[in-house]
């Protein structure tokens, strides 16, 4: 079974380092997934920003359903990315520094 302790032992690193790097990797992956969703919306509507979609809906250039739900999702996705980026920025100032030297047993 994969555990924090077994990975830390395998790489001869403190558990805190493994945990911090894992959390960062998770958050970066979440940003990538959100960016992919936003890219799909941009392609679907050939627009760059959610406010452009809102305006197109208001002007009747795009049918409101399901575009209005997509607009809300797009806005929420941007807010989620900002929150995640804030967490990453916050972690930069409090993350233990990764050791520069790894014992020969580390992979």
Protein backbone atom coordinates (compact mmCIF):
# COMPACT_ATOMS: atom_id res chain seq x y z
CA UNK A 1 0.00 0.00 0.00
CA UNK A 2 1.23 3.47 -0.87
CA UNK A 3 1.68 5.62 2.22
CA UNK A 4 3.32 8.92 3.02
CA UNK A 5 5.78 7.10 5.24
CA UNK A 6 6.77 4.57 2.57
CA UNK A 7 7.34 7.27 -0.06
CA UNK A 8 9.35 9.41 2.37
CA UNK A 9 11.47 6.40 3.26
CA UNK A 10 11.98 5.40 -0.39
CA UNK A 11 13.21 8.88 -1.32
CA UNK A 12 14.96 9.57 1.99
CA UNK A 13 12.99 12.78 2.42
CA UNK A 14 11.09 14.18 5.36
CA UNK A 15 7.35 13.45 5.27
CA UNK A 16 6.63 17.21 5.31
CA UNK A 17 8.52 17.65 2.03
CA UNK A 18 6.61 14.81 0.37
CA UNK A 19 3.31 16.13 1.70
CA UNK A 20 3.96 19.72 0.57
CA UNK A 21 5.09 18.65 -2.89
CA UNK A 22 2.06 16.37 -3.20
CA UNK A 23 -0.32 19.16 -2.22
CA UNK A 24 1.29 21.53 -4.71
CA UNK A 25 1.09 18.92 -7.47
CA UNK A 26 -2.58 18.34 -6.66
CA UNK A 27 -3.37 22.06 -6.82
CA UNK A 28 -1.44 22.53 -10.06
CA UNK A 29 -3.35 19.60 -11.56
CA UNK A 30 -6.65 21.14 -10.47
CA UNK A 31 -5.70 24.38 -12.21
CA UNK A 32 -4.90 22.42 -15.37
CA UNK A 33 -8.30 20.70 -15.28
CA UNK A 34 -10.08 24.02 -14.80
CA UNK A 35 -8.08 25.60 -17.62
CA UNK A 36 -9.13 22.72 -19.89
CA UNK A 37 -12.79 23.33 -19.04
CA UNK A 38 -12.39 27.03 -19.78
CA UNK A 39 -10.68 26.21 -23.09
CA UNK A 40 -13.71 24.12 -24.07
CA UNK A 41 -16.04 27.01 -23.31
CA UNK A 42 -13.85 29.42 -25.29
CA UNK A 43 -13.89 27.06 -28.23
CA UNK A 44 -17.63 26.37 -27.98
CA UNK A 45 -18.56 30.06 -28.05
CA UNK A 46 -15.48 31.44 -29.85
CA UNK A 47 -15.11 33.97 -27.05
CA UNK A 48 -12.26 34.72 -24.68
CA UNK A 49 -13.95 36.00 -21.52
CA UNK A 50 -17.16 35.11 -19.67
CA UNK A 51 -18.39 38.71 -19.78
CA UNK A 52 -18.34 38.43 -23.59
CA UNK A 53 -20.65 35.43 -23.30
CA UNK A 54 -22.95 37.32 -20.98
CA UNK A 55 -23.11 40.21 -23.43
CA UNK A 56 -23.79 37.89 -26.38
CA UNK A 57 -26.64 36.28 -24.42
CA UNK A 58 -28.05 39.71 -23.51
CA UNK A 59 -27.91 40.81 -27.14
CA UNK A 60 -29.60 37.61 -28.34
CA UNK A 61 -26.60 36.49 -30.42
CA UNK A 62 -26.40 33.30 -28.35
CA UNK A 63 -29.38 31.34 -27.05
CA UNK A 64 -29.66 31.68 -23.29
CA UNK A 65 -29.94 27.96 -22.55
CA UNK A 66 -27.47 26.34 -21.91
CA UNK A 67 -25.21 29.37 -22.42
CA UNK A 68 -26.32 31.02 -19.19
CA UNK A 69 -25.29 27.94 -17.18
CA UNK A 70 -21.99 27.89 -19.06
CA UNK A 71 -21.47 31.56 -18.18
CA UNK A 72 -21.99 30.77 -14.48
CA UNK A 73 -19.66 27.76 -14.69
CA UNK A 74 -17.04 29.89 -16.45
CA UNK A 75 -17.22 32.58 -13.76
CA UNK A 76 -17.02 29.95 -11.00
CA UNK A 77 -14.04 28.32 -12.71
CA UNK A 78 -12.14 31.60 -12.79
CA UNK A 79 -12.88 32.19 -9.11
CA UNK A 80 -11.76 28.64 -8.26
CA UNK A 81 -8.48 29.15 -10.13
CA UNK A 82 -7.86 32.40 -8.29
CA UNK A 83 -8.44 30.64 -4.96
CA UNK A 84 -6.11 27.80 -5.87
CA UNK A 85 -3.43 30.21 -7.08
CA UNK A 86 -3.77 32.07 -3.79
CA UNK A 87 -3.18 28.82 -1.90
CA UNK A 88 -0.11 28.11 -4.02
CA UNK A 89 1.26 31.61 -3.46
CA UNK A 90 0.64 31.27 0.26
CA UNK A 91 2.43 27.94 0.33
CA UNK A 92 5.51 29.38 -1.38
CA UNK A 93 6.32 31.40 1.72
CA UNK A 94 5.76 28.54 4.17
CA UNK A 95 7.01 25.46 2.32
CA UNK A 96 10.04 23.62 3.64
CA UNK A 97 12.89 23.85 1.15
CA UNK A 98 13.59 20.67 -0.76
CA UNK A 99 16.99 19.27 0.17
CA UNK A 100 19.67 19.90 -2.43
CA UNK A 101 21.42 16.62 -1.72
CA UNK A 102 19.77 13.23 -2.03
CA UNK A 103 21.48 10.14 -0.64
CA UNK A 104 22.54 7.58 -3.22
CA UNK A 105 19.64 5.33 -2.24
CA UNK A 106 17.10 7.93 -3.40
CA UNK A 107 15.62 7.59 -6.86
